Amino acid sequence: MSSHKRLTSQALLLSTLVFAPIHLAFSQATTEPSTTTDAETLTHESKWVHSIESDLVAEKFDDLDRMADDYRSSEARLPGGGWRLRTFYEALDAPQQTDKDTVDHLEHLHHWMAARPESITARVALATSLTRWAWVARGNGFAKTVTPEGWQLFNERIGEAKTVLEGSRDMRHMCPQWYSEMMTVGLAQGWTEQQVQENFARGVQFAPDYFYLYRQYANYLLPKWYGKQADASNFARTSADHLGGDRGDMLYFQISTVLVKRGNGDFSMEGIDWPRIQRGYQIVSSQFGPSRRNANDLAFMAYKFNDPAVARQQFAAIGDDWSLGVWRDRQFFDRIRDWSQTKNNWP
């Protein structure tokens, strides 16, 4: 599909399938103002995540399903606007140190699916862990560095994840994360853009405000995967423009955290609206409260846009609470923080 036809198709898709039925969850699902400190919030969230991990090991499947059902129906958010449902799935897939750990972990998930065959949550959790395990086998290097055994395991595990998801495609109670995981499978298996786009369309019809779907599709459109240079940035702009106003700016920031990211190779910053990213960040922070991850994301983006003033501001708020998911290592974090302090444009 040509770039022009691709973008026309995306614009039509967004206007006809996504935004006509959209509701106001962006404004309705805000978190209440809190008087707790950051340390208290982190301690509370850490205990919550640990309790999810413990419930899976103890095979308290009823409790886990009730939790997920509540997060889906309430669209509960965490500080910074992240969906509690998404973090719930991340907690269920806590990194396993060895293959034996993962095998034991998958056994609990298989038990859950067998004990509660109507649980969409069990299936999504199992597919998520299988996909992660597939990437462990493949590794994060270029395709030419992957061993034949690595490719075989990767394809087997991705195939199993797809089978698990396909088996729950028409379940009575669906989950927005199902569509995100299916797009992850599509990226791994090299689906056509039409296949991924159709899955994206179904997902945003089901859960218009589940912004992870937009981020997953934008990732697919990056040049390092299956898109051309401007596809992902144009998709971000088109999606945000259709929403418009504060909601559109929030979505633009949320998509941009995938586009302006370490490890995206030669992705061009041309066409990315830095002032709009900053507006979106401020609106997200105002509606949902500040978050460690968002502050780290904005600091990194300020570096990429050569804006040391914004970077200094964010580093002052971050302190030493750096995010591994943004910087990957402490050395790089320290280097960019030093850059922001020594850059020759102090006011």
Protein backbone atom coordinates (compact mmCIF):
# COMPACT_ATOMS: atom_id res chain seq x y z
CA MET A 1 0.00 0.00 0.00
CA SER A 2 1.44 3.43 -0.91
CA SER A 3 2.10 6.01 1.80
CA HIS A 4 -0.64 8.30 0.45
CA LYS A 5 -3.23 5.51 0.32
CA ARG A 6 -2.16 4.30 3.77
CA LEU A 7 -2.67 7.71 5.37
CA THR A 8 -5.96 8.27 3.57
CA SER A 9 -7.14 4.89 4.81
CA GLN A 10 -6.09 5.73 8.37
CA ALA A 11 -7.90 9.08 8.31
CA LEU A 12 -11.08 7.45 7.02
CA LEU A 13 -10.80 4.70 9.61
CA LEU A 14 -10.39 7.18 12.46
CA SER A 15 -13.28 9.39 11.39
CA THR A 16 -15.79 6.62 10.69
CA LEU A 17 -14.96 3.98 13.28
CA VAL A 18 -13.28 5.64 16.20
CA PHE A 19 -14.47 9.08 16.99
CA ALA A 20 -18.17 9.05 16.19
CA PRO A 21 -19.09 6.88 19.21
CA ILE A 22 -16.42 8.22 21.52
CA HIS A 23 -17.49 8.98 25.09
CA LEU A 24 -15.98 11.22 27.72
CA ALA A 25 -13.90 8.81 29.75
CA PHE A 26 -10.82 11.01 29.38
CA SER A 27 -12.55 13.64 31.49
CA GLN A 28 -14.66 11.32 33.62
CA ALA A 29 -11.92 8.92 34.71
CA THR A 30 -9.65 11.45 36.36
CA THR A 31 -8.07 10.59 39.67
CA GLU A 32 -9.14 12.47 42.78
CA PRO A 33 -6.65 14.97 44.23
CA SER A 34 -4.50 13.26 46.82
CA THR A 35 -2.78 14.49 49.95
CA THR A 36 -0.44 11.50 50.10
CA THR A 37 3.26 11.89 49.40
CA ASP A 38 5.03 10.34 46.40
CA ALA A 39 6.71 7.84 48.72
CA GLU A 40 3.36 6.81 50.18
CA THR A 41 1.89 6.40 46.70
CA LEU A 42 4.80 4.27 45.55
CA THR A 43 4.58 2.10 48.66
CA HIS A 44 0.85 1.59 48.16
CA GLU A 45 1.26 0.71 44.46
CA SER A 46 4.15 -1.63 45.23
CA LYS A 47 2.02 -3.52 47.75
CA TRP A 48 -0.83 -3.70 45.23
CA VAL A 49 1.44 -5.15 42.52
CA HIS A 50 2.91 -7.66 44.97
CA SER A 51 -0.59 -8.76 46.00
CA ILE A 52 -1.45 -9.51 42.36
CA GLU A 53 1.67 -11.62 41.95
CA SER A 54 0.89 -13.44 45.22
CA ASP A 55 -2.72 -14.11 44.24
CA LEU A 56 -1.58 -15.76 41.01
CA VAL A 57 0.90 -18.02 42.82
CA ALA A 58 -1.81 -18.89 45.36
CA GLU A 59 -4.20 -19.45 42.42
CA LYS A 60 -6.86 -17.12 43.79
CA PHE A 61 -8.43 -16.93 40.37
CA ASP A 62 -11.83 -15.63 41.52
CA ASP A 63 -10.15 -12.67 43.20
CA LEU A 64 -8.04 -11.90 40.15
CA ASP A 65 -11.06 -12.00 37.84
CA ARG A 66 -13.06 -9.74 40.12
CA MET A 67 -10.18 -7.28 40.22
CA ALA A 68 -9.82 -7.18 36.44
CA ASP A 69 -13.58 -6.88 35.91
CA ASP A 70 -13.64 -3.89 38.23
CA TYR A 71 -10.72 -2.16 36.48
CA ARG A 72 -12.33 -2.68 33.09
CA SER A 73 -15.76 -1.42 34.07
CA SER A 74 -14.50 1.56 36.09
CA GLU A 75 -11.68 2.46 33.69
CA ALA A 76 -9.69 3.24 36.83
CA ARG A 77 -6.54 5.27 36.33
CA LEU A 78 -3.28 5.64 38.18
CA PRO A 79 -1.42 8.92 38.75
CA GLY A 80 -0.21 10.00 35.33
CA GLY A 81 -3.26 8.59 33.52
CA GLY A 82 -2.15 4.98 33.06
CA TRP A 83 -4.95 2.46 33.21
CA ARG A 84 -4.93 0.33 36.33
CA LEU A 85 -6.02 -2.58 34.10
CA ARG A 86 -2.82 -2.32 32.06
CA THR A 87 -0.64 -2.28 35.18
CA PHE A 88 -2.61 -5.24 36.49
CA TYR A 89 -1.56 -7.28 33.44
CA GLU A 90 2.03 -6.10 33.79
CA ALA A 91 2.00 -7.29 37.40
CA LEU A 92 0.66 -10.68 36.30
CA ASP A 93 3.62 -10.93 33.94
CA ALA A 94 6.32 -9.98 36.44
CA PRO A 95 9.71 -10.68 34.80
CA GLN A 96 10.85 -14.25 35.33
CA GLN A 97 14.57 -14.76 35.95
CA THR A 98 14.96 -18.16 34.30
CA ASP A 99 13.09 -20.38 31.85
CA LYS A 100 12.10 -22.61 34.78
CA ASP A 101 10.53 -19.59 36.50
CA THR A 102 8.57 -18.86 33.34
CA VAL A 103 7.43 -22.46 32.95
CA ASP A 104 6.13 -22.41 36.54
CA HIS A 105 4.49 -19.03 35.89
CA LEU A 106 2.79 -20.28 32.72
CA GLU A 107 1.54 -23.34 34.59
CA HIS A 108 -0.40 -21.09 36.98
CA LEU A 109 -1.89 -19.23 34.00
CA HIS A 110 -2.89 -22.50 32.31
CA HIS A 111 -4.54 -23.62 35.57
CA TRP A 112 -6.47 -20.34 35.64
CA MET A 113 -7.69 -20.75 32.07
CA ALA A 114 -8.76 -24.34 32.75
CA ALA A 115 -10.50 -23.49 36.03
CA ARG A 116 -12.31 -20.49 34.56
CA PRO A 117 -12.77 -21.11 30.81
CA GLU A 118 -14.95 -17.99 30.43
CA SER A 119 -12.26 -15.72 31.86
CA ILE A 120 -10.95 -13.33 29.21
CA THR A 121 -8.43 -12.10 31.77
CA ALA A 122 -6.75 -15.50 32.08
CA ARG A 123 -6.36 -15.75 28.30
CA VAL A 124 -4.94 -12.27 27.87
CA ALA A 125 -2.51 -12.83 30.75
CA LEU A 126 -1.34 -16.13 29.27
CA ALA A 127 -0.86 -14.64 25.79
CA THR A 128 1.09 -11.72 27.30
CA SER A 129 3.52 -14.04 29.07
CA LEU A 130 3.93 -16.27 26.02
CA THR A 131 4.75 -13.24 23.87
CA ARG A 132 7.34 -11.97 26.35
CA TRP A 133 8.90 -15.43 26.55
CA ALA A 134 9.08 -15.52 22.75
CA TRP A 135 11.13 -12.33 22.74
CA VAL A 136 13.41 -13.79 25.42
CA ALA A 137 14.19 -16.62 22.98
CA ARG A 138 14.73 -14.26 20.07
CA GLY A 139 16.71 -11.61 21.93
CA ASN A 140 16.67 -7.87 21.19
CA GLY A 141 19.36 -7.83 18.51
CA PHE A 142 19.00 -7.48 14.75
CA ALA A 143 17.33 -10.37 12.92
CA LYS A 144 20.67 -11.59 11.54
CA THR A 145 21.94 -12.14 15.11
CA VAL A 146 19.14 -14.56 16.04
CA THR A 147 20.06 -18.25 16.08
CA PRO A 148 17.93 -20.85 14.24
CA GLU A 149 16.88 -22.24 17.63
CA GLY A 150 15.95 -18.74 18.76
CA TRP A 151 13.75 -18.24 15.71
CA GLN A 152 12.08 -21.60 16.20
CA LEU A 153 11.22 -20.90 19.83
CA PHE A 154 10.13 -17.38 18.99
CA ASN A 155 7.72 -18.56 16.31
CA GLU A 156 6.39 -21.42 18.43
CA ARG A 157 5.66 -19.19 21.42
CA ILE A 158 4.15 -16.38 19.35
CA GLY A 159 2.02 -18.97 17.57
CA GLU A 160 0.77 -20.31 20.88
CA ALA A 161 -0.05 -16.78 22.06
CA LYS A 162 -2.07 -16.21 18.89
CA THR A 163 -3.94 -19.49 19.40
CA VAL A 164 -4.84 -18.50 22.96
CA LEU A 165 -6.13 -15.11 21.78
CA GLU A 166 -7.99 -16.50 18.79
CA GLY A 167 -9.77 -18.90 21.12
CA SER A 168 -11.24 -15.96 23.00
CA ARG A 169 -12.04 -13.67 20.06
CA ASP A 170 -15.80 -13.96 20.46
CA MET A 171 -16.10 -14.34 24.22
CA ARG A 172 -19.09 -12.65 25.83
CA HIS A 173 -16.91 -10.42 28.00
CA MET A 174 -13.99 -8.93 26.10
CA CYS A 175 -11.02 -6.86 27.26
CA PRO A 176 -9.32 -3.88 25.59
CA GLN A 177 -5.92 -5.40 26.32
CA TRP A 178 -6.87 -8.35 24.11
CA TYR A 179 -6.64 -6.10 21.05
CA SER A 180 -3.30 -4.68 22.17
CA GLU A 181 -1.85 -8.17 22.65
CA MET A 182 -3.18 -9.29 19.27
CA MET A 183 -1.40 -6.35 17.63
CA THR A 184 1.78 -7.40 19.44
CA VAL A 185 1.38 -10.83 17.89
CA GLY A 186 0.74 -9.20 14.51
CA LEU A 187 3.98 -7.23 14.73
CA ALA A 188 5.93 -10.37 15.66
CA GLN A 189 4.41 -12.39 12.82
CA GLY A 190 4.72 -9.63 10.22
CA TRP A 191 1.03 -9.11 9.54
CA THR A 192 -0.03 -6.79 6.73
CA GLU A 193 -1.03 -3.29 7.70
CA GLN A 194 -4.63 -4.05 6.80
CA GLN A 195 -4.71 -6.92 9.31
CA VAL A 196 -3.24 -4.79 12.09
CA GLN A 197 -5.45 -1.83 11.18
CA GLU A 198 -8.59 -3.96 11.35
CA ASN A 199 -7.64 -5.18 14.81
CA PHE A 200 -6.92 -1.60 15.89
CA ALA A 201 -10.32 -0.48 14.59
CA ARG A 202 -12.13 -3.20 16.53
CA GLY A 203 -10.20 -2.29 19.65
CA VAL A 204 -10.97 1.42 19.59
CA GLN A 205 -14.61 0.69 18.86
CA PHE A 206 -14.68 -1.45 22.00
CA ALA A 207 -12.61 0.91 24.19
CA PRO A 208 -12.14 4.32 22.54
CA ASP A 209 -10.04 5.74 25.38
CA TYR A 210 -7.63 2.83 25.79
CA PHE A 211 -4.70 4.82 24.47
CA TYR A 212 -2.38 1.80 24.48
CA LEU A 213 -4.08 0.71 21.25
CA TYR A 214 -2.93 3.90 19.55
CA ARG A 215 0.57 3.45 20.90
CA GLN A 216 0.70 -0.15 19.70
CA TYR A 217 -0.42 0.79 16.20
CA ALA A 218 2.01 3.75 16.09
CA ASN A 219 4.82 1.37 17.04
CA TYR A 220 3.87 -0.94 14.15
CA LEU A 221 4.12 2.06 11.79
CA LEU A 222 7.67 2.98 12.82
CA PRO A 223 10.35 2.60 10.11
CA LYS A 224 12.16 0.01 12.22
CA TRP A 225 9.12 -2.23 11.79
CA TYR A 226 6.67 -1.90 8.90
CA GLY A 227 6.08 1.80 8.24
CA LYS A 228 7.70 4.57 6.25
CA GLN A 229 9.39 7.55 7.87
CA ALA A 230 6.35 9.82 8.31
CA ASP A 231 3.64 7.19 8.85
CA ALA A 232 3.78 7.02 12.65
CA SER A 233 4.05 10.78 13.19
CA ASN A 234 1.19 11.43 10.75
CA PHE A 235 -0.92 8.84 12.52
CA ALA A 236 -0.27 10.56 15.87
CA ARG A 237 -1.27 13.94 14.47
CA THR A 238 -4.36 12.63 12.67
CA SER A 239 -5.57 10.74 15.74
CA ALA A 240 -5.08 13.74 18.02
CA ASP A 241 -6.66 16.18 15.57
CA HIS A 242 -9.82 14.06 15.33
CA LEU A 243 -10.22 14.20 19.08
CA GLY A 244 -9.27 17.85 19.28
CA GLY A 245 -8.82 20.08 22.30
CA ASP A 246 -7.34 18.84 25.55
CA ARG A 247 -8.20 15.22 24.84
CA GLY A 248 -6.39 15.33 21.54
CA ASP A 249 -3.30 16.89 23.10
CA MET A 250 -3.28 14.24 25.82
CA LEU A 251 -3.46 11.49 23.23
CA TYR A 252 -0.67 13.17 21.26
CA PHE A 253 1.62 13.09 24.30
CA GLN A 254 0.73 9.47 25.01
CA ILE A 255 1.48 8.35 21.44
CA SER A 256 4.66 10.43 21.33
CA THR A 257 6.16 8.50 24.24
CA VAL A 258 6.42 5.59 21.78
CA LEU A 259 7.71 7.64 18.86
CA VAL A 260 10.33 9.71 20.68
CA LYS A 261 11.97 6.83 22.44
CA ARG A 262 15.47 5.50 22.88
CA GLY A 263 16.09 2.63 20.49
CA ASN A 264 13.98 3.89 17.60
CA GLY A 265 17.01 4.07 15.35
CA ASP A 266 16.87 6.62 12.58
CA PHE A 267 13.30 7.76 13.25
CA SER A 268 13.10 11.39 12.17
CA MET A 269 11.90 14.04 14.63
CA GLU A 270 10.61 16.07 11.70
CA GLY A 271 6.85 16.31 11.87
CA ILE A 272 6.71 15.78 15.66
CA ASP A 273 5.07 18.73 17.43
CA TRP A 274 7.15 19.43 20.55
CA PRO A 275 4.92 22.26 21.90
CA ARG A 276 1.89 19.96 21.55
CA ILE A 277 3.70 17.19 23.43
CA GLN A 278 4.34 19.63 26.28
CA ARG A 279 0.71 20.78 26.31
CA GLY A 280 -0.45 17.18 26.42
CA TYR A 281 1.92 16.42 29.28
CA GLN A 282 0.61 19.37 31.30
CA ILE A 283 -3.02 18.37 30.71
CA VAL A 284 -2.35 14.75 31.66
CA SER A 285 -0.59 15.92 34.84
CA SER A 286 -3.43 18.29 35.67
CA GLN A 287 -6.19 15.71 35.18
CA PHE A 288 -4.48 12.61 36.55
CA GLY A 289 -1.65 13.91 38.69
CA PRO A 290 2.10 13.64 38.15
CA SER A 291 3.86 10.36 37.56
CA ARG A 292 7.48 9.23 37.63
CA ARG A 293 7.28 7.62 34.17
CA ASN A 294 5.72 10.66 32.49
CA ALA A 295 8.33 12.98 34.00
CA ASN A 296 11.12 10.73 32.75
CA ASP A 297 9.51 10.50 29.31
CA LEU A 298 9.29 14.28 29.00
CA ALA A 299 12.89 14.73 30.16
CA PHE A 300 14.09 12.33 27.47
CA MET A 301 11.97 14.01 24.81
CA ALA A 302 13.35 17.42 25.86
CA TYR A 303 16.82 16.03 25.23
CA LYS A 304 15.80 14.78 21.78
CA PHE A 305 14.35 18.20 20.96
CA ASN A 306 17.45 19.95 22.30
CA ASP A 307 15.44 21.81 24.95
CA PRO A 308 17.67 21.86 28.06
CA ALA A 309 15.36 24.28 29.91
CA VAL A 310 12.49 21.79 29.91
CA ALA A 311 14.91 18.96 30.60
CA ARG A 312 16.34 20.74 33.65
CA GLN A 313 12.85 21.29 35.01
CA GLN A 314 11.99 17.63 34.65
CA PHE A 315 15.28 16.38 36.09
CA ALA A 316 14.71 18.59 39.11
CA ALA A 317 11.35 16.90 39.66
CA ILE A 318 12.73 13.41 38.99
CA GLY A 319 15.73 13.62 41.32
CA ASP A 320 17.26 10.15 41.40
CA ASP A 321 13.96 8.43 40.61
CA TRP A 322 14.97 7.53 37.07
CA SER A 323 12.99 5.08 34.93
CA LEU A 324 14.68 2.02 33.50
CA GLY A 325 12.05 1.82 30.77
CA VAL A 326 13.04 5.28 29.50
CA TRP A 327 16.81 5.45 29.99
CA ARG A 328 17.80 1.74 30.05
CA ASP A 329 20.81 2.44 32.27
CA ARG A 330 21.89 4.88 34.96
CA GLN A 331 24.95 6.03 33.01
CA PHE A 332 22.85 7.41 30.16
CA PHE A 333 20.44 9.07 32.60
CA ASP A 334 23.33 10.81 34.37
CA ARG A 335 24.87 11.90 31.08
CA ILE A 336 21.69 13.55 29.82
CA ARG A 337 21.02 15.16 33.19
CA ASP A 338 24.55 16.62 33.10
CA TRP A 339 23.89 17.82 29.55
CA SER A 340 20.82 19.72 30.72
CA GLN A 341 22.79 21.39 33.50
CA THR A 342 25.81 22.42 31.46
CA LYS A 343 24.10 23.40 28.20
CA ASN A 344 25.00 27.02 27.52
CA ASN A 345 21.61 28.67 27.58
CA TRP A 346 20.75 29.33 31.20
CA PRO A 347 18.25 32.16 31.50
